[in-house]
Amino acid sequence: MPAIALPLIDRLRQMQVIRYALASLGALAVDMGGFLLLLRMGLMPALASGCGYTLGIVAHWLLSSRAVFTQTVARGGTARLRQQSLFLMSALIGLGVTTAVVGLLTLGGIDARLAKAVAIVASFVVTWVLRKKVVFR
């Protein structure tokens, strides 16, 4: 591979990460908005976190499939259904991470908002790896 191609490939990879981060930010806005609203309504922190995350899952699929993984998103049929199923599975794993982190940290006396911030980072890392390596490969 020519030496000039390697920096270009690296730059393209970084752009995908940037697009994923922006999609995650959009989904996070939906997630956090739902979380804070439900928390304010008196829902238990872990349940509010899970519900907010679920809303964010829908937003993330829409953003990821249309703006991040455009070259590898399945166009239709069973391939698209398989990809959506894998995306949902990755989201459910992320949901488990989010809910567990918030639940455990709040049980330990950590403020729910701080616990949610820690969960956001943990979930971002787990779902990025799954989506990059499994869902949209």
Foldseek 3Di string as FASTA:
>chain_A
DDPVVVVVVVVVVVVLVVLLVVLLVVLVVQLVVQLVVVVVVPDDLLVSNLVSLVSSLVSSCVSCCPPRLVVQQDPDDPLNVVLVVLSVVLSVVLSVLQSVQLVVVVVVVDDSVVSNVVSSVVSSVSSVCSCVPPRRD
